């Protein structure tokens, strides 16, 4: 005979919050132009992690941070490397080594 109630005790799952916290959606489209440019870049390179697309992702996140759509954070904490330091114009020849040479 069948019952019309619940089939018994079902296992309950406890929801877990996101790692970086919650943030409001961009309902007003304040950063939509940057987002669409980023998505077009990803389509153009077929999902490959190109530097151009990474810079667009960084600008999208900075747009969201500037408009308080997400908490301000360092980009290194968001998965971006530090910007490479420009090479110094004065290369000291004594610092240049020979291939295979051990330096102490």
N, C-alpha and C. Protein backbone atom coordinates (compact mmCIF):
# COMPACT_ATOMS: atom_id res chain seq x y z
N UNK A 1 0.83 -1.16 0.00
CA UNK A 1 0.00 0.00 0.00
C UNK A 1 0.89 1.24 0.00
N UNK A 2 0.53 2.27 -0.74
CA UNK A 2 1.36 3.47 -0.83
C UNK A 2 0.88 4.53 0.14
N UNK A 3 1.80 5.33 0.56
CA UNK A 3 1.45 6.43 1.45
C UNK A 3 1.57 7.73 0.69
N UNK A 4 0.82 8.71 1.09
CA UNK A 4 0.83 9.99 0.40
C UNK A 4 1.70 11.03 1.10
N UNK A 5 2.38 10.65 2.12
CA UNK A 5 3.26 11.56 2.84
C UNK A 5 4.66 11.53 2.26
N UNK A 6 5.58 11.96 3.03
CA UNK A 6 6.97 11.94 2.57
C UNK A 6 7.48 10.50 2.61
N UNK A 7 8.44 10.18 1.77
CA UNK A 7 8.92 8.80 1.69
C UNK A 7 9.82 8.40 2.85
N UNK A 8 9.90 9.19 3.84
CA UNK A 8 10.76 8.86 4.98
C UNK A 8 11.77 9.96 5.21
N UNK A 9 12.67 9.67 6.07
CA UNK A 9 13.68 10.68 6.39
C UNK A 9 14.69 10.77 5.25
N UNK A 10 14.78 11.94 4.63
CA UNK A 10 15.76 12.17 3.57
C UNK A 10 17.00 12.81 4.18
N UNK A 11 18.16 12.49 3.64
CA UNK A 11 19.37 13.12 4.17
C UNK A 11 19.33 14.63 3.88
N UNK A 12 19.67 15.41 4.87
CA UNK A 12 19.67 16.85 4.68
C UNK A 12 21.09 17.32 4.41
N UNK A 13 21.20 18.26 3.50
CA UNK A 13 22.51 18.85 3.21
C UNK A 13 22.52 20.27 3.72
N UNK A 14 23.61 20.63 4.31
CA UNK A 14 23.74 21.98 4.84
C UNK A 14 24.45 22.83 3.79
N UNK A 15 23.85 23.95 3.38
CA UNK A 15 24.50 24.79 2.37
C UNK A 15 25.76 25.44 2.94
N UNK A 16 26.75 25.58 2.08
CA UNK A 16 27.99 26.22 2.50
C UNK A 16 28.11 27.58 1.81
N UNK A 17 28.55 28.59 2.51
CA UNK A 17 28.69 29.91 1.90
C UNK A 17 29.86 29.94 0.93
N UNK A 18 29.88 30.88 -0.02
CA UNK A 18 31.02 30.99 -0.93
C UNK A 18 32.28 31.38 -0.16
N UNK A 19 33.43 31.04 -0.72
CA UNK A 19 34.69 31.31 -0.04
C UNK A 19 34.94 32.80 0.15
N UNK A 20 34.64 33.60 -0.84
CA UNK A 20 34.94 35.03 -0.78
C UNK A 20 33.76 35.85 -0.29
N UNK A 21 32.72 35.23 0.21
CA UNK A 21 31.56 35.96 0.71
C UNK A 21 30.57 36.24 -0.41
N UNK A 22 29.47 36.84 -0.06
CA UNK A 22 28.46 37.14 -1.06
C UNK A 22 28.65 38.56 -1.56
N UNK A 23 28.15 38.83 -2.72
CA UNK A 23 28.25 40.16 -3.30
C UNK A 23 27.00 40.43 -4.12
N UNK A 24 26.60 41.70 -4.23
CA UNK A 24 25.39 42.02 -4.97
C UNK A 24 25.58 41.85 -6.47
N UNK A 25 24.50 41.51 -7.15
CA UNK A 25 24.53 41.40 -8.60
C UNK A 25 24.54 42.79 -9.20
N UNK A 26 25.01 42.89 -10.41
CA UNK A 26 25.09 44.16 -11.12
C UNK A 26 23.77 44.41 -11.84
N UNK A 27 22.71 44.69 -11.08
CA UNK A 27 21.38 44.87 -11.67
C UNK A 27 21.32 46.08 -12.59
N UNK A 28 22.07 47.13 -12.28
CA UNK A 28 22.02 48.35 -13.09
C UNK A 28 22.97 48.31 -14.28
N UNK A 29 23.74 47.25 -14.41
CA UNK A 29 24.65 47.11 -15.56
C UNK A 29 25.80 48.09 -15.53
N UNK A 30 26.27 48.45 -14.35
CA UNK A 30 27.34 49.43 -14.23
C UNK A 30 28.65 48.94 -14.85
N UNK A 31 28.91 47.64 -14.80
CA UNK A 31 30.15 47.08 -15.34
C UNK A 31 29.88 46.15 -16.52
N UNK A 32 28.71 46.28 -17.12
CA UNK A 32 28.33 45.36 -18.19
C UNK A 32 29.22 45.52 -19.42
N UNK A 33 29.64 46.75 -19.74
CA UNK A 33 30.48 46.96 -20.91
C UNK A 33 31.81 46.22 -20.79
N UNK A 34 32.38 46.21 -19.59
CA UNK A 34 33.65 45.51 -19.39
C UNK A 34 33.42 44.01 -19.43
N UNK A 35 32.31 43.56 -18.87
CA UNK A 35 32.00 42.14 -18.85
C UNK A 35 31.80 41.60 -20.28
N UNK A 36 31.08 42.33 -21.12
CA UNK A 36 30.85 41.86 -22.49
C UNK A 36 32.15 41.86 -23.29
N UNK A 37 33.00 42.84 -23.05
CA UNK A 37 34.30 42.86 -23.72
C UNK A 37 35.13 41.64 -23.32
N UNK A 38 35.10 41.30 -22.02
CA UNK A 38 35.82 40.13 -21.52
C UNK A 38 35.26 38.85 -22.15
N UNK A 39 33.94 38.72 -22.19
CA UNK A 39 33.34 37.51 -22.76
C UNK A 39 33.65 37.38 -24.25
N UNK A 40 33.69 38.50 -24.97
CA UNK A 40 34.06 38.45 -26.38
C UNK A 40 35.51 38.03 -26.54
N UNK A 41 36.37 38.48 -25.63
CA UNK A 41 37.78 38.08 -25.68
C UNK A 41 37.91 36.57 -25.46
N UNK A 42 37.18 36.05 -24.48
CA UNK A 42 37.24 34.61 -24.20
C UNK A 42 36.75 33.81 -25.40
N UNK A 43 35.70 34.29 -26.07
CA UNK A 43 35.20 33.60 -27.27
C UNK A 43 36.23 33.65 -28.38
N UNK A 44 36.90 34.80 -28.52
CA UNK A 44 37.87 34.98 -29.61
C UNK A 44 39.05 34.03 -29.46
N UNK A 45 39.53 33.84 -28.23
CA UNK A 45 40.70 32.99 -28.01
C UNK A 45 40.30 31.56 -27.66
N UNK A 46 39.01 31.27 -27.75
CA UNK A 46 38.48 29.92 -27.52
C UNK A 46 38.83 29.40 -26.13
N UNK A 47 38.71 30.25 -25.12
CA UNK A 47 38.88 29.83 -23.74
C UNK A 47 40.30 29.74 -23.25
N UNK A 48 41.28 30.08 -24.09
CA UNK A 48 42.68 30.02 -23.67
C UNK A 48 42.95 31.22 -22.75
N UNK A 49 43.77 31.01 -21.75
CA UNK A 49 44.07 32.05 -20.76
C UNK A 49 45.08 33.03 -21.33
N UNK A 50 44.62 33.98 -22.14
CA UNK A 50 45.49 34.98 -22.76
C UNK A 50 45.67 36.17 -21.84
N UNK A 51 46.80 36.86 -21.98
CA UNK A 51 47.09 38.02 -21.15
C UNK A 51 46.07 39.13 -21.38
N UNK A 52 45.65 39.30 -22.62
CA UNK A 52 44.66 40.34 -22.93
C UNK A 52 43.36 40.09 -22.17
N UNK A 53 42.91 38.86 -22.13
CA UNK A 53 41.67 38.52 -21.42
C UNK A 53 41.86 38.63 -19.91
N UNK A 54 43.04 38.29 -19.41
CA UNK A 54 43.30 38.44 -17.98
C UNK A 54 43.22 39.90 -17.57
N UNK A 55 43.74 40.80 -18.41
CA UNK A 55 43.68 42.23 -18.10
C UNK A 55 42.23 42.73 -18.11
N UNK A 56 41.41 42.19 -19.01
CA UNK A 56 40.00 42.56 -19.03
C UNK A 56 39.28 42.05 -17.78
N UNK A 57 39.64 40.84 -17.34
CA UNK A 57 39.05 40.31 -16.11
C UNK A 57 39.45 41.17 -14.92
N UNK A 58 40.68 41.60 -14.92
CA UNK A 58 41.16 42.47 -13.84
C UNK A 58 40.42 43.81 -13.85
N UNK A 59 40.19 44.36 -15.03
CA UNK A 59 39.47 45.63 -15.11
C UNK A 59 38.01 45.45 -14.71
N UNK A 60 37.43 44.29 -15.01
CA UNK A 60 36.05 44.02 -14.58
C UNK A 60 35.96 43.96 -13.06
N UNK A 61 36.90 43.27 -12.44
CA UNK A 61 36.90 43.18 -10.98
C UNK A 61 37.15 44.55 -10.34
N UNK A 62 38.03 45.35 -10.94
CA UNK A 62 38.26 46.69 -10.38
C UNK A 62 37.04 47.56 -10.56
N UNK A 63 36.30 47.40 -11.66
CA UNK A 63 35.04 48.13 -11.86
C UNK A 63 34.05 47.77 -10.77
N UNK A 64 33.94 46.49 -10.46
CA UNK A 64 33.02 46.04 -9.40
C UNK A 64 33.46 46.58 -8.04
N UNK A 65 34.76 46.61 -7.79
CA UNK A 65 35.25 47.12 -6.50
C UNK A 65 35.00 48.62 -6.37
N UNK A 66 35.20 49.36 -7.47
CA UNK A 66 35.00 50.81 -7.43
C UNK A 66 33.54 51.18 -7.18
N UNK A 67 32.62 50.35 -7.63
CA UNK A 67 31.20 50.65 -7.49
C UNK A 67 30.56 49.90 -6.32
N UNK A 68 31.39 49.37 -5.43
CA UNK A 68 30.95 48.65 -4.23
C UNK A 68 30.03 47.46 -4.55
N UNK A 69 30.31 46.79 -5.67
CA UNK A 69 29.59 45.57 -6.01
C UNK A 69 30.31 44.34 -5.48
N UNK A 70 31.51 44.56 -4.96
CA UNK A 70 32.25 43.50 -4.27
C UNK A 70 33.24 44.18 -3.34
N UNK A 71 33.71 43.44 -2.37
CA UNK A 71 34.65 44.00 -1.39
C UNK A 71 35.99 44.29 -2.06
N UNK A 72 36.59 45.38 -1.66
CA UNK A 72 37.91 45.72 -2.20
C UNK A 72 38.94 44.72 -1.67
N UNK A 73 39.81 44.28 -2.57
CA UNK A 73 40.81 43.29 -2.20
C UNK A 73 42.00 43.46 -3.13
N UNK A 74 43.15 42.98 -2.71
CA UNK A 74 44.34 42.99 -3.56
C UNK A 74 44.14 41.99 -4.69
N UNK A 75 44.67 42.34 -5.85
CA UNK A 75 44.52 41.45 -6.99
C UNK A 75 45.30 40.15 -6.81
N UNK A 76 46.36 40.19 -6.01
CA UNK A 76 47.11 38.94 -5.77
C UNK A 76 46.24 37.95 -5.00
N UNK A 77 45.29 38.45 -4.20
CA UNK A 77 44.37 37.56 -3.48
C UNK A 77 43.26 37.04 -4.39
N UNK A 78 43.09 37.66 -5.55
CA UNK A 78 42.07 37.24 -6.50
C UNK A 78 42.63 36.39 -7.62
N UNK A 79 43.89 35.99 -7.50
CA UNK A 79 44.48 35.08 -8.48
C UNK A 79 45.31 35.75 -9.54
N UNK A 80 45.58 37.05 -9.40
CA UNK A 80 46.41 37.75 -10.37
C UNK A 80 47.81 37.91 -9.82
N UNK A 81 48.80 37.76 -10.69
CA UNK A 81 50.19 37.96 -10.29
C UNK A 81 50.47 39.44 -10.23
N UNK A 82 51.54 39.78 -9.50
CA UNK A 82 51.97 41.16 -9.46
C UNK A 82 52.43 41.58 -10.86
N UNK A 83 52.27 42.85 -11.19
CA UNK A 83 52.74 43.34 -12.48
C UNK A 83 54.25 43.19 -12.53
N UNK A 84 54.77 42.71 -13.67
CA UNK A 84 56.22 42.54 -13.76
C UNK A 84 56.92 43.89 -13.65
N UNK A 85 58.03 43.89 -12.92
CA UNK A 85 58.81 45.11 -12.75
C UNK A 85 59.56 45.40 -14.04
N UNK A 86 59.58 46.67 -14.47
CA UNK A 86 60.34 46.98 -15.69
C UNK A 86 61.83 46.74 -15.46
N UNK A 87 62.50 46.24 -16.47
CA UNK A 87 63.92 45.95 -16.37
C UNK A 87 64.69 47.26 -16.21
N UNK A 88 65.67 47.26 -15.36
CA UNK A 88 66.45 48.48 -15.14
C UNK A 88 67.26 48.78 -16.39
N UNK A 89 67.42 50.08 -16.65
CA UNK A 89 68.13 50.48 -17.86
C UNK A 89 69.64 50.27 -17.73
N UNK A 90 70.14 50.20 -16.50
CA UNK A 90 71.57 50.00 -16.30
C UNK A 90 71.82 48.53 -15.97
N UNK A 91 72.25 47.77 -16.96
CA UNK A 91 72.59 46.37 -16.72
C UNK A 91 74.05 46.31 -16.33
N UNK A 92 74.31 45.83 -15.15
CA UNK A 92 75.67 45.72 -14.66
C UNK A 92 76.29 44.46 -15.27
N UNK A 93 77.33 44.64 -16.05
CA UNK A 93 77.92 43.50 -16.75
C UNK A 93 78.55 42.51 -15.78
N UNK A 94 78.92 42.96 -14.57
CA UNK A 94 79.49 42.03 -13.62
C UNK A 94 78.43 41.07 -13.10
N UNK A 95 77.17 41.43 -13.18
CA UNK A 95 76.10 40.56 -12.74
C UNK A 95 75.73 39.53 -13.81
N UNK A 96 76.15 39.74 -15.04
CA UNK A 96 75.86 38.80 -16.11
C UNK A 96 76.77 37.60 -15.97
N UNK A 97 76.20 36.43 -16.00
CA UNK A 97 76.98 35.21 -15.86
C UNK A 97 77.16 34.52 -17.20
N UNK A 98 78.01 33.54 -17.20
CA UNK A 98 78.23 32.72 -18.39
C UNK A 98 77.40 31.47 -18.22
N UNK A 99 76.84 30.97 -19.33
CA UNK A 99 76.00 29.78 -19.26
C UNK A 99 76.79 28.61 -18.67
N UNK A 100 76.24 27.97 -17.67
CA UNK A 100 76.88 26.85 -17.04
C UNK A 100 77.76 27.25 -15.86
N UNK A 101 77.93 28.55 -15.63
CA UNK A 101 78.78 29.03 -14.55
C UNK A 101 78.01 28.97 -13.22
N UNK A 102 78.67 28.50 -12.18
CA UNK A 102 78.06 28.48 -10.86
C UNK A 102 78.36 29.79 -10.17
N UNK A 103 77.34 30.41 -9.62
CA UNK A 103 77.50 31.68 -8.93
C UNK A 103 77.19 31.49 -7.47
N UNK A 104 77.99 32.03 -6.59
CA UNK A 104 77.74 31.92 -5.15
C UNK A 104 77.29 33.19 -4.60
